[in-house]
Amino acid sequence: MTAGDGIRDWTAPGQPPLVPEITLLLADDIHRAWSALDEEAPPFWAFAWVGGQALARHVLDHPDLVRGRRVLDLATGSGLVAIAAALAGATGVVASDTDVRAQQAVGLNAAANGVEVEVVGDVLDGSVELDVDVVLAGDVFYEQPMARHVERFCDEAVAAGVDVIVGDPGREYFPRKRCTALGTYEVTGTADLEGGAVTRTVVHRFS
């Protein structure tokens, strides 16, 4: 597979409604793209999910969260949050995703925004040694197995003194009692992905 294979074919440059400063390669229909690409999982990398949009907006509006710090964007997808962290002044940004096309999309999207992002695979299994100050995670509690892995990872990060900030629109498996809200955002243009034209999304600190 060459860099960008299947990515540029089914996406076009666009700006997420809540984060117009950032340009991403975006698809217009998740079901059509998924069918055409014949992937085992939906092409999450081709969309700006609401949790990521809210988290990226929060980071850009509160750059002190990441400025001068080393950042991990967990389950990065398109790389939206990683790019926001880099633009906000993080000294180094690592974007993690298990999907090979997501990894390629992050590289393309980072280049389009003039920032550097290191891309790695799965970090939840502990096989990748990380040295970061902040973990950012947008919309990662959408299914139970994933949520359990992420919650354990976040617990370990917090115990090690890492600041963990997450964006979530109220997914079923989001650990609400473990988090403190930092900001609420109304993300528009979400009818196709979320079933409503506007989706309220909250940025939290994991504790």
N, C-alpha and C. Protein backbone atom coordinates (compact mmCIF):
# COMPACT_ATOMS: atom_id res chain seq x y z
N MET A 1 0.85 -1.20 0.00
CA MET A 1 0.00 0.00 0.00
C MET A 1 0.88 1.24 0.00
N THR A 2 0.69 2.14 -0.93
CA THR A 2 1.46 3.37 -0.97
C THR A 2 0.82 4.41 -0.08
N ALA A 3 1.62 5.39 0.33
CA ALA A 3 1.11 6.45 1.19
C ALA A 3 -0.05 7.15 0.51
N GLY A 4 -1.16 7.25 1.21
CA GLY A 4 -2.32 7.94 0.67
C GLY A 4 -3.25 7.06 -0.13
N ASP A 5 -2.87 5.77 -0.33
CA ASP A 5 -3.71 4.86 -1.10
C ASP A 5 -5.07 4.72 -0.45
N GLY A 6 -6.14 5.00 -1.21
CA GLY A 6 -7.49 4.87 -0.68
C GLY A 6 -7.92 6.01 0.21
N ILE A 7 -7.03 6.96 0.46
CA ILE A 7 -7.35 8.09 1.32
C ILE A 7 -7.76 9.28 0.46
N ARG A 8 -6.89 9.70 -0.42
CA ARG A 8 -7.24 10.82 -1.31
C ARG A 8 -8.37 10.46 -2.26
N ASP A 9 -8.50 9.16 -2.58
CA ASP A 9 -9.56 8.74 -3.50
C ASP A 9 -10.96 8.98 -2.92
N TRP A 10 -11.09 8.91 -1.60
CA TRP A 10 -12.40 8.98 -0.98
C TRP A 10 -12.56 10.15 -0.02
N THR A 11 -11.64 11.09 -0.11
CA THR A 11 -11.74 12.27 0.75
C THR A 11 -11.41 13.52 -0.06
N ALA A 12 -11.67 14.66 0.53
CA ALA A 12 -11.30 15.94 -0.05
C ALA A 12 -10.93 16.88 1.10
N PRO A 13 -10.06 17.84 0.88
CA PRO A 13 -9.70 18.77 1.95
C PRO A 13 -10.93 19.55 2.43
N GLY A 14 -11.05 19.64 3.74
CA GLY A 14 -12.16 20.37 4.33
C GLY A 14 -11.81 20.79 5.74
N GLN A 15 -12.67 21.60 6.33
CA GLN A 15 -12.43 22.10 7.69
C GLN A 15 -13.56 21.65 8.61
N PRO A 16 -13.24 21.05 9.74
CA PRO A 16 -14.28 20.69 10.72
C PRO A 16 -15.00 21.95 11.19
N PRO A 17 -16.32 21.90 11.34
CA PRO A 17 -17.08 23.10 11.70
C PRO A 17 -16.59 23.81 12.95
N LEU A 18 -16.20 23.05 13.96
CA LEU A 18 -15.79 23.67 15.22
C LEU A 18 -14.32 24.09 15.22
N VAL A 19 -13.56 23.59 14.24
CA VAL A 19 -12.12 23.87 14.20
C VAL A 19 -11.72 24.27 12.78
N PRO A 20 -12.21 25.40 12.29
CA PRO A 20 -11.96 25.77 10.90
C PRO A 20 -10.50 26.13 10.61
N GLU A 21 -9.69 26.28 11.66
CA GLU A 21 -8.27 26.58 11.45
C GLU A 21 -7.51 25.39 10.89
N ILE A 22 -8.09 24.20 11.01
CA ILE A 22 -7.39 22.97 10.64
C ILE A 22 -8.04 22.36 9.40
N THR A 23 -7.20 21.96 8.46
CA THR A 23 -7.66 21.30 7.24
C THR A 23 -7.40 19.80 7.34
N LEU A 24 -8.42 19.01 7.02
CA LEU A 24 -8.30 17.56 7.05
C LEU A 24 -8.82 16.98 5.74
N LEU A 25 -8.33 15.79 5.40
CA LEU A 25 -8.91 15.03 4.30
C LEU A 25 -10.15 14.33 4.85
N LEU A 26 -11.33 14.72 4.37
CA LEU A 26 -12.59 14.25 4.93
C LEU A 26 -13.45 13.59 3.87
N ALA A 27 -14.17 12.54 4.27
CA ALA A 27 -15.15 11.89 3.40
C ALA A 27 -16.53 12.47 3.70
N ASP A 28 -17.44 12.35 2.75
CA ASP A 28 -18.77 12.93 2.96
C ASP A 28 -19.82 11.90 3.36
N ASP A 29 -19.48 10.60 3.30
CA ASP A 29 -20.46 9.56 3.62
C ASP A 29 -19.72 8.35 4.18
N ILE A 30 -19.89 8.07 5.47
CA ILE A 30 -19.14 7.00 6.10
C ILE A 30 -19.50 5.64 5.53
N HIS A 31 -20.78 5.42 5.23
CA HIS A 31 -21.19 4.10 4.74
C HIS A 31 -20.69 3.85 3.33
N ARG A 32 -20.73 4.86 2.48
CA ARG A 32 -20.24 4.71 1.12
C ARG A 32 -18.73 4.48 1.12
N ALA A 33 -18.01 5.25 1.93
CA ALA A 33 -16.56 5.10 2.00
C ALA A 33 -16.18 3.73 2.56
N TRP A 34 -16.89 3.30 3.60
CA TRP A 34 -16.60 2.00 4.21
C TRP A 34 -16.82 0.87 3.20
N SER A 35 -17.91 0.92 2.48
CA SER A 35 -18.20 -0.09 1.49
C SER A 35 -17.17 -0.09 0.36
N ALA A 36 -16.81 1.08 -0.10
CA ALA A 36 -15.88 1.18 -1.22
C ALA A 36 -14.48 0.73 -0.82
N LEU A 37 -14.07 1.03 0.39
CA LEU A 37 -12.73 0.68 0.83
C LEU A 37 -12.62 -0.76 1.29
N ASP A 38 -13.77 -1.40 1.57
CA ASP A 38 -13.79 -2.80 1.98
C ASP A 38 -12.90 -3.04 3.20
N GLU A 39 -13.07 -2.22 4.23
CA GLU A 39 -12.28 -2.34 5.45
C GLU A 39 -13.05 -3.13 6.50
N GLU A 40 -12.29 -3.72 7.43
CA GLU A 40 -12.92 -4.48 8.50
C GLU A 40 -13.66 -3.56 9.48
N ALA A 41 -13.15 -2.37 9.65
CA ALA A 41 -13.77 -1.40 10.57
C ALA A 41 -14.10 -0.13 9.80
N PRO A 42 -15.04 0.67 10.30
CA PRO A 42 -15.36 1.93 9.62
C PRO A 42 -14.12 2.81 9.48
N PRO A 43 -14.05 3.61 8.43
CA PRO A 43 -12.90 4.51 8.23
C PRO A 43 -12.99 5.72 9.14
N PHE A 44 -12.75 5.49 10.43
CA PHE A 44 -12.85 6.57 11.41
C PHE A 44 -11.92 7.73 11.06
N TRP A 45 -10.82 7.43 10.38
CA TRP A 45 -9.83 8.43 10.02
C TRP A 45 -10.35 9.45 9.02
N ALA A 46 -11.47 9.17 8.37
CA ALA A 46 -11.98 10.04 7.31
C ALA A 46 -13.02 11.04 7.80
N PHE A 47 -13.20 11.15 9.12
CA PHE A 47 -14.24 12.03 9.66
C PHE A 47 -13.72 12.75 10.90
N ALA A 48 -14.24 13.95 11.13
CA ALA A 48 -13.89 14.72 12.32
C ALA A 48 -14.97 14.46 13.36
N TRP A 49 -14.77 13.47 14.19
CA TRP A 49 -15.77 13.07 15.18
C TRP A 49 -15.93 14.16 16.24
N VAL A 50 -17.12 14.22 16.82
CA VAL A 50 -17.47 15.35 17.68
C VAL A 50 -16.57 15.45 18.91
N GLY A 51 -16.20 14.31 19.50
CA GLY A 51 -15.31 14.37 20.66
C GLY A 51 -13.97 14.97 20.31
N GLY A 52 -13.47 14.63 19.13
CA GLY A 52 -12.21 15.19 18.67
C GLY A 52 -12.32 16.66 18.35
N GLN A 53 -13.44 17.06 17.74
CA GLN A 53 -13.61 18.49 17.43
C GLN A 53 -13.65 19.33 18.71
N ALA A 54 -14.42 18.88 19.68
CA ALA A 54 -14.50 19.63 20.93
C ALA A 54 -13.15 19.69 21.63
N LEU A 55 -12.44 18.57 21.65
CA LEU A 55 -11.15 18.54 22.32
C LEU A 55 -10.13 19.41 21.59
N ALA A 56 -10.12 19.34 20.26
CA ALA A 56 -9.20 20.18 19.49
C ALA A 56 -9.50 21.66 19.72
N ARG A 57 -10.80 22.02 19.73
CA ARG A 57 -11.18 23.41 20.00
C ARG A 57 -10.70 23.85 21.37
N HIS A 58 -10.88 22.98 22.36
CA HIS A 58 -10.48 23.32 23.72
C HIS A 58 -8.97 23.52 23.82
N VAL A 59 -8.22 22.67 23.16
CA VAL A 59 -6.76 22.78 23.18
C VAL A 59 -6.31 24.08 22.52
N LEU A 60 -6.89 24.41 21.38
CA LEU A 60 -6.52 25.65 20.70
C LEU A 60 -6.89 26.88 21.51
N ASP A 61 -8.01 26.81 22.22
CA ASP A 61 -8.45 27.94 23.03
C ASP A 61 -7.74 28.02 24.38
N HIS A 62 -7.16 26.90 24.81
CA HIS A 62 -6.44 26.84 26.09
C HIS A 62 -5.07 26.21 25.85
N PRO A 63 -4.21 26.89 25.10
CA PRO A 63 -2.92 26.29 24.72
C PRO A 63 -2.01 25.96 25.89
N ASP A 64 -2.26 26.57 27.05
CA ASP A 64 -1.45 26.26 28.23
C ASP A 64 -1.54 24.80 28.63
N LEU A 65 -2.58 24.10 28.18
CA LEU A 65 -2.71 22.68 28.50
C LEU A 65 -1.60 21.86 27.89
N VAL A 66 -1.08 22.32 26.74
CA VAL A 66 -0.09 21.52 26.02
C VAL A 66 1.20 22.26 25.70
N ARG A 67 1.20 23.56 25.80
CA ARG A 67 2.38 24.34 25.39
C ARG A 67 3.62 23.92 26.18
N GLY A 68 4.67 23.60 25.45
CA GLY A 68 5.92 23.20 26.10
C GLY A 68 5.89 21.81 26.70
N ARG A 69 4.85 21.03 26.38
CA ARG A 69 4.70 19.70 26.96
C ARG A 69 4.68 18.64 25.86
N ARG A 70 4.95 17.40 26.24
CA ARG A 70 4.94 16.27 25.31
C ARG A 70 3.55 15.64 25.38
N VAL A 71 2.97 15.41 24.21
CA VAL A 71 1.56 15.05 24.13
C VAL A 71 1.37 13.75 23.35
N LEU A 72 0.46 12.92 23.84
CA LEU A 72 -0.02 11.74 23.12
C LEU A 72 -1.48 11.94 22.76
N ASP A 73 -1.80 11.77 21.47
CA ASP A 73 -3.20 11.76 21.04
C ASP A 73 -3.58 10.30 20.84
N LEU A 74 -4.44 9.81 21.73
CA LEU A 74 -4.82 8.39 21.75
C LEU A 74 -5.96 8.11 20.78
N ALA A 75 -5.83 7.04 19.98
CA ALA A 75 -6.82 6.69 18.98
C ALA A 75 -7.10 7.90 18.10
N THR A 76 -6.08 8.39 17.48
CA THR A 76 -6.07 9.70 16.82
C THR A 76 -7.01 9.83 15.63
N GLY A 77 -7.28 8.74 14.90
CA GLY A 77 -8.14 8.83 13.73
C GLY A 77 -7.53 9.71 12.65
N SER A 78 -8.15 10.85 12.40
CA SER A 78 -7.67 11.78 11.38
C SER A 78 -6.43 12.55 11.80
N GLY A 79 -6.15 12.55 13.11
CA GLY A 79 -5.04 13.35 13.63
C GLY A 79 -5.45 14.75 14.04
N LEU A 80 -6.75 15.02 14.06
CA LEU A 80 -7.24 16.36 14.37
C LEU A 80 -6.71 16.89 15.69
N VAL A 81 -6.83 16.11 16.75
CA VAL A 81 -6.41 16.57 18.08
C VAL A 81 -4.89 16.70 18.15
N ALA A 82 -4.17 15.78 17.53
CA ALA A 82 -2.71 15.86 17.50
C ALA A 82 -2.25 17.13 16.81
N ILE A 83 -2.89 17.45 15.70
CA ILE A 83 -2.54 18.66 14.95
C ILE A 83 -2.83 19.90 15.79
N ALA A 84 -3.97 19.92 16.48
CA ALA A 84 -4.30 21.04 17.36
C ALA A 84 -3.25 21.22 18.44
N ALA A 85 -2.79 20.11 19.02
CA ALA A 85 -1.77 20.19 20.06
C ALA A 85 -0.47 20.77 19.51
N ALA A 86 -0.10 20.34 18.31
CA ALA A 86 1.12 20.86 17.70
C ALA A 86 0.98 22.36 17.42
N LEU A 87 -0.17 22.78 16.90
CA LEU A 87 -0.40 24.19 16.64
C LEU A 87 -0.42 25.02 17.91
N ALA A 88 -0.83 24.40 19.02
CA ALA A 88 -0.92 25.11 20.30
C ALA A 88 0.42 25.19 21.03
N GLY A 89 1.46 24.60 20.45
CA GLY A 89 2.79 24.77 21.04
C GLY A 89 3.37 23.60 21.80
N ALA A 90 2.79 22.40 21.63
CA ALA A 90 3.39 21.23 22.28
C ALA A 90 4.81 21.02 21.75
N THR A 91 5.71 20.57 22.62
CA THR A 91 7.10 20.37 22.19
C THR A 91 7.26 19.12 21.35
N GLY A 92 6.36 18.18 21.51
CA GLY A 92 6.37 16.96 20.71
C GLY A 92 5.00 16.33 20.79
N VAL A 93 4.54 15.77 19.66
CA VAL A 93 3.21 15.17 19.62
C VAL A 93 3.32 13.78 19.00
N VAL A 94 2.78 12.80 19.72
CA VAL A 94 2.69 11.43 19.22
C VAL A 94 1.22 11.11 18.99
N ALA A 95 0.90 10.60 17.80
CA ALA A 95 -0.47 10.21 17.47
C ALA A 95 -0.51 8.70 17.33
N SER A 96 -1.42 8.06 18.07
CA SER A 96 -1.50 6.60 18.09
C SER A 96 -2.80 6.12 17.47
N ASP A 97 -2.70 5.11 16.60
CA ASP A 97 -3.88 4.47 16.04
C ASP A 97 -3.49 3.09 15.52
N THR A 98 -4.42 2.14 15.64
CA THR A 98 -4.14 0.78 15.16
C THR A 98 -4.37 0.63 13.67
N ASP A 99 -5.13 1.55 13.07
CA ASP A 99 -5.50 1.47 11.67
C ASP A 99 -4.37 2.03 10.79
N VAL A 100 -3.89 1.22 9.85
CA VAL A 100 -2.79 1.64 8.99
C VAL A 100 -3.17 2.87 8.16
N ARG A 101 -4.40 2.88 7.64
CA ARG A 101 -4.82 4.04 6.85
C ARG A 101 -4.93 5.29 7.73
N ALA A 102 -5.35 5.12 8.97
CA ALA A 102 -5.38 6.26 9.88
C ALA A 102 -3.99 6.82 10.06
N GLN A 103 -3.01 5.95 10.23
CA GLN A 103 -1.63 6.40 10.38
C GLN A 103 -1.18 7.21 9.17
N GLN A 104 -1.55 6.74 7.98
CA GLN A 104 -1.19 7.46 6.77
C GLN A 104 -1.94 8.79 6.67
N ALA A 105 -3.22 8.77 7.05
CA ALA A 105 -4.03 10.00 7.00
C ALA A 105 -3.46 11.06 7.93
N VAL A 106 -3.00 10.66 9.10
CA VAL A 106 -2.42 11.61 10.04
C VAL A 106 -1.20 12.30 9.42
N GLY A 107 -0.36 11.52 8.75
CA GLY A 107 0.80 12.10 8.10
C GLY A 107 0.42 13.12 7.05
N LEU A 108 -0.57 12.77 6.24
CA LEU A 108 -1.02 13.69 5.20
C LEU A 108 -1.65 14.94 5.80
N ASN A 109 -2.47 14.75 6.82
CA ASN A 109 -3.15 15.89 7.44
C ASN A 109 -2.17 16.79 8.20
N ALA A 110 -1.20 16.20 8.87
CA ALA A 110 -0.21 17.00 9.57
C ALA A 110 0.58 17.85 8.59
N ALA A 111 0.99 17.25 7.47
CA ALA A 111 1.73 17.99 6.45
C ALA A 111 0.91 19.14 5.89
N ALA A 112 -0.39 18.91 5.70
CA ALA A 112 -1.27 19.95 5.14
C ALA A 112 -1.38 21.14 6.08
N ASN A 113 -1.14 20.91 7.39
CA ASN A 113 -1.25 21.99 8.37
C ASN A 113 0.11 22.50 8.82
N GLY A 114 1.17 22.00 8.20
CA GLY A 114 2.50 22.50 8.48
C GLY A 114 3.05 22.16 9.85
N VAL A 115 2.64 21.00 10.39
CA VAL A 115 3.14 20.59 11.71
C VAL A 115 3.74 19.19 11.63
N GLU A 116 4.53 18.87 12.63
CA GLU A 116 5.14 17.54 12.71
C GLU A 116 4.46 16.72 13.80
N VAL A 117 4.07 15.52 13.44
CA VAL A 117 3.43 14.59 14.38
C VAL A 117 4.07 13.22 14.18
N GLU A 118 4.53 12.64 15.27
CA GLU A 118 5.04 11.26 15.21
C GLU A 118 3.86 10.30 15.26
N VAL A 119 3.82 9.35 14.36
CA VAL A 119 2.70 8.41 14.28
C VAL A 119 3.16 7.02 14.72
N VAL A 120 2.41 6.42 15.64
CA VAL A 120 2.72 5.07 16.12
C VAL A 120 1.44 4.23 16.09
N GLY A 121 1.61 2.93 16.28
CA GLY A 121 0.47 2.03 16.32
C GLY A 121 -0.16 1.96 17.70
N ASP A 122 -0.57 0.77 18.09
CA ASP A 122 -1.29 0.57 19.34
C ASP A 122 -0.40 0.86 20.55
N VAL A 123 -0.89 1.65 21.49
CA VAL A 123 -0.15 1.90 22.73
C VAL A 123 -0.89 1.33 23.93
N LEU A 124 -2.12 0.87 23.74
CA LEU A 124 -2.91 0.40 24.87
C LEU A 124 -2.39 -0.89 25.46
N ASP A 125 -1.66 -1.67 24.64
CA ASP A 125 -1.15 -2.95 25.14
C ASP A 125 0.17 -2.80 25.88
N GLY A 126 0.71 -1.59 25.96
CA GLY A 126 1.94 -1.34 26.68
C GLY A 126 3.19 -1.70 25.93
N SER A 127 3.07 -2.07 24.67
CA SER A 127 4.24 -2.49 23.91
C SER A 127 5.09 -1.33 23.43
N VAL A 128 4.50 -0.11 23.44
CA VAL A 128 5.23 1.09 23.02
C VAL A 128 5.52 1.92 24.26
N GLU A 129 6.80 2.17 24.53
CA GLU A 129 7.18 2.96 25.70
C GLU A 129 7.03 4.45 25.38
N LEU A 130 6.28 5.14 26.21
CA LEU A 130 5.98 6.54 25.96
C LEU A 130 6.49 7.41 27.10
N ASP A 131 6.93 8.60 26.75
CA ASP A 131 7.35 9.59 27.73
C ASP A 131 6.61 10.88 27.41
N VAL A 132 5.42 11.03 27.99
CA VAL A 132 4.58 12.18 27.67
C VAL A 132 4.08 12.83 28.95
N ASP A 133 3.67 14.09 28.82
CA ASP A 133 3.13 14.85 29.94
C ASP A 133 1.60 14.92 29.90
N VAL A 134 1.05 14.79 28.68
CA VAL A 134 -0.39 14.94 28.49
C VAL A 134 -0.90 13.85 27.56
N VAL A 135 -2.03 13.25 27.93
CA VAL A 135 -2.74 12.34 27.03
C VAL A 135 -4.05 13.02 26.64
N LEU A 136 -4.28 13.11 25.33
CA LEU A 136 -5.53 13.64 24.81
C LEU A 136 -6.28 12.50 24.12
N ALA A 137 -7.58 12.41 24.34
CA ALA A 137 -8.38 11.34 23.74
C ALA A 137 -9.76 11.86 23.37
N GLY A 138 -10.06 11.87 22.08
CA GLY A 138 -11.36 12.35 21.61
C GLY A 138 -12.24 11.21 21.14
N ASP A 139 -13.38 11.05 21.80
CA ASP A 139 -14.39 10.08 21.35
C ASP A 139 -13.87 8.64 21.32
N VAL A 140 -13.39 8.17 22.46
CA VAL A 140 -12.81 6.82 22.51
C VAL A 140 -13.63 5.83 23.33
N PHE A 141 -14.80 6.25 23.81
CA PHE A 141 -15.60 5.37 24.68
C PHE A 141 -16.86 4.88 23.98
N TYR A 142 -16.75 4.61 22.69
CA TYR A 142 -17.92 4.27 21.88
C TYR A 142 -18.31 2.79 21.95
N GLU A 143 -17.43 1.92 22.41
CA GLU A 143 -17.81 0.51 22.59
C GLU A 143 -17.10 -0.03 23.82
N GLN A 144 -17.70 -1.06 24.44
CA GLN A 144 -17.24 -1.49 25.76
C GLN A 144 -15.80 -2.01 25.79
N PRO A 145 -15.39 -2.90 24.90
CA PRO A 145 -14.01 -3.39 24.98
C PRO A 145 -12.98 -2.26 24.87
N MET A 146 -13.21 -1.37 23.92
CA MET A 146 -12.30 -0.24 23.74
C MET A 146 -12.31 0.65 24.98
N ALA A 147 -13.49 0.90 25.52
CA ALA A 147 -13.61 1.77 26.69
C ALA A 147 -12.84 1.21 27.88
N ARG A 148 -12.91 -0.10 28.06
CA ARG A 148 -12.19 -0.72 29.18
C ARG A 148 -10.69 -0.55 29.03
N HIS A 149 -10.18 -0.78 27.82
CA HIS A 149 -8.75 -0.62 27.57
C HIS A 149 -8.32 0.83 27.79
N VAL A 150 -9.12 1.76 27.28
CA VAL A 150 -8.77 3.17 27.41
C VAL A 150 -8.81 3.60 28.87
N GLU A 151 -9.84 3.17 29.60
CA GLU A 151 -9.94 3.57 31.01
C GLU A 151 -8.75 3.07 31.81
N ARG A 152 -8.34 1.84 31.56
CA ARG A 152 -7.16 1.30 32.26
C ARG A 152 -5.91 2.10 31.91
N PHE A 153 -5.76 2.42 30.62
CA PHE A 153 -4.61 3.20 30.17
C PHE A 153 -4.61 4.57 30.84
N CYS A 154 -5.77 5.21 30.90
CA CYS A 154 -5.87 6.52 31.52
C CYS A 154 -5.58 6.46 33.01
N ASP A 155 -6.05 5.42 33.68
CA ASP A 155 -5.75 5.23 35.09
C ASP A 155 -4.24 5.18 35.33
N GLU A 156 -3.57 4.41 34.50
CA GLU A 156 -2.12 4.26 34.64
C GLU A 156 -1.41 5.57 34.35
N ALA A 157 -1.91 6.31 33.37
CA ALA A 157 -1.30 7.59 33.03
C ALA A 157 -1.46 8.59 34.18
N VAL A 158 -2.66 8.68 34.73
CA VAL A 158 -2.91 9.60 35.84
C VAL A 158 -2.04 9.23 37.04
N ALA A 159 -1.93 7.95 37.32
CA ALA A 159 -1.11 7.49 38.44
C ALA A 159 0.35 7.87 38.26
N ALA A 160 0.77 7.99 37.00
CA ALA A 160 2.16 8.36 36.70
C ALA A 160 2.35 9.87 36.62
N GLY A 161 1.28 10.63 36.93
CA GLY A 161 1.38 12.08 36.92
C GLY A 161 1.10 12.74 35.59
N VAL A 162 0.53 11.98 34.66
CA VAL A 162 0.21 12.52 33.34
C VAL A 162 -1.18 13.17 33.37
N ASP A 163 -1.31 14.31 32.73
CA ASP A 163 -2.59 15.01 32.62
C ASP A 163 -3.39 14.35 31.49
N VAL A 164 -4.60 13.89 31.78
CA VAL A 164 -5.43 13.20 30.79
C VAL A 164 -6.68 14.01 30.52
N ILE A 165 -6.85 14.45 29.27
CA ILE A 165 -7.98 15.28 28.88
C ILE A 165 -8.74 14.55 27.77
N VAL A 166 -10.05 14.41 27.94
CA VAL A 166 -10.84 13.65 26.97
C VAL A 166 -12.04 14.48 26.49
N GLY A 167 -12.45 14.21 25.25
CA GLY A 167 -13.65 14.83 24.71
C GLY A 167 -14.67 13.75 24.41
N ASP A 168 -15.91 13.96 24.84
CA ASP A 168 -16.92 12.91 24.68
C ASP A 168 -18.32 13.51 24.59
N PRO A 169 -19.16 13.01 23.67
CA PRO A 169 -20.52 13.51 23.53
C PRO A 169 -21.55 12.75 24.34
N GLY A 170 -21.10 12.00 25.35
CA GLY A 170 -22.04 11.24 26.17
C GLY A 170 -22.21 9.81 25.70
N ARG A 171 -21.13 9.20 25.21
CA ARG A 171 -21.18 7.81 24.78
C ARG A 171 -21.55 6.91 25.97
N GLU A 172 -22.13 5.77 25.66
CA GLU A 172 -22.66 4.88 26.70
C GLU A 172 -21.61 4.44 27.70
N TYR A 173 -20.39 4.23 27.24
CA TYR A 173 -19.37 3.66 28.12
C TYR A 173 -18.40 4.72 28.67
N PHE A 174 -18.76 5.97 28.55
CA PHE A 174 -17.92 7.02 29.10
C PHE A 174 -17.97 7.01 30.62
N PRO A 175 -16.82 6.98 31.31
CA PRO A 175 -16.79 6.89 32.77
C PRO A 175 -17.03 8.25 33.42
N ARG A 176 -18.27 8.67 33.47
CA ARG A 176 -18.63 10.02 33.92
C ARG A 176 -18.16 10.33 35.33
N LYS A 177 -18.24 9.35 36.21
CA LYS A 177 -17.90 9.60 37.60
C LYS A 177 -16.40 9.79 37.80
N ARG A 178 -15.62 9.46 36.79
CA ARG A 178 -14.17 9.57 36.90
C ARG A 178 -13.65 10.90 36.37
N CYS A 179 -14.53 11.75 35.84
CA CYS A 179 -14.08 12.91 35.10
C CYS A 179 -14.68 14.21 35.61
N THR A 180 -13.95 15.30 35.39
CA THR A 180 -14.40 16.64 35.75
C THR A 180 -14.52 17.46 34.47
N ALA A 181 -15.68 18.05 34.25
CA ALA A 181 -15.92 18.81 33.02
C ALA A 181 -15.09 20.10 33.00
N LEU A 182 -14.49 20.36 31.84
CA LEU A 182 -13.71 21.58 31.64
C LEU A 182 -14.40 22.55 30.69
N GLY A 183 -15.24 22.04 29.81
CA GLY A 183 -15.90 22.91 28.85
C GLY A 183 -16.92 22.14 28.03
N THR A 184 -17.95 22.84 27.57
CA THR A 184 -19.01 22.23 26.77
C THR A 184 -19.09 22.94 25.42
N TYR A 185 -19.26 22.15 24.36
CA TYR A 185 -19.25 22.69 23.00
C TYR A 185 -20.43 22.14 22.21
N GLU A 186 -20.99 22.98 21.37
CA GLU A 186 -22.07 22.58 20.47
C GLU A 186 -21.45 22.37 19.08
N VAL A 187 -21.37 21.12 18.65
CA VAL A 187 -20.75 20.79 17.36
C VAL A 187 -21.84 20.69 16.31
N THR A 188 -21.73 21.47 15.26
CA THR A 188 -22.76 21.50 14.22
C THR A 188 -22.42 20.55 13.07
N GLY A 189 -23.40 20.34 12.22
CA GLY A 189 -23.19 19.52 11.03
C GLY A 189 -22.97 18.05 11.33
N THR A 190 -23.69 17.51 12.31
CA THR A 190 -23.42 16.15 12.76
C THR A 190 -24.55 15.18 12.46
N ALA A 191 -25.46 15.55 11.58
CA ALA A 191 -26.64 14.71 11.33
C ALA A 191 -26.27 13.32 10.83
N ASP A 192 -25.33 13.23 9.90
CA ASP A 192 -24.98 11.94 9.31
C ASP A 192 -24.31 11.00 10.31
N LEU A 193 -23.48 11.55 11.18
CA LEU A 193 -22.72 10.71 12.11
C LEU A 193 -23.42 10.52 13.45
N GLU A 194 -24.17 11.53 13.90
CA GLU A 194 -24.72 11.48 15.25
C GLU A 194 -26.24 11.49 15.28
N GLY A 195 -26.88 11.71 14.15
CA GLY A 195 -28.34 11.69 14.10
C GLY A 195 -29.00 13.00 14.45
N GLY A 196 -28.21 14.03 14.70
CA GLY A 196 -28.76 15.34 15.00
C GLY A 196 -27.90 16.42 14.38
N ALA A 197 -28.50 17.55 14.05
CA ALA A 197 -27.76 18.63 13.40
C ALA A 197 -26.71 19.25 14.30
N VAL A 198 -26.96 19.19 15.62
CA VAL A 198 -26.02 19.73 16.60
C VAL A 198 -25.82 18.69 17.70
N THR A 199 -24.58 18.49 18.10
CA THR A 199 -24.28 17.51 19.16
C THR A 199 -23.51 18.19 20.28
N ARG A 200 -24.08 18.18 21.47
CA ARG A 200 -23.38 18.75 22.63
C ARG A 200 -22.27 17.80 23.07
N THR A 201 -21.10 18.34 23.21
CA THR A 201 -19.92 17.54 23.52
C THR A 201 -19.13 18.20 24.63
N VAL A 202 -18.64 17.41 25.57
CA VAL A 202 -17.99 17.95 26.74
C VAL A 202 -16.52 17.50 26.79
N VAL A 203 -15.66 18.43 27.17
CA VAL A 203 -14.25 18.12 27.41
C VAL A 203 -14.06 17.96 28.91
N HIS A 204 -13.40 16.88 29.30
CA HIS A 204 -13.24 16.51 30.70
C HIS A 204 -11.76 16.28 31.03
N ARG A 205 -11.45 16.44 32.30
CA ARG A 205 -10.17 15.97 32.82
C ARG A 205 -10.41 14.66 33.54
N PHE A 206 -9.65 13.64 33.18
CA PHE A 206 -9.78 12.31 33.78
C PHE A 206 -9.05 12.32 35.13
N SER A 207 -9.70 11.75 36.14
CA SER A 207 -9.09 11.76 37.48
C SER A 207 -9.34 10.42 38.16
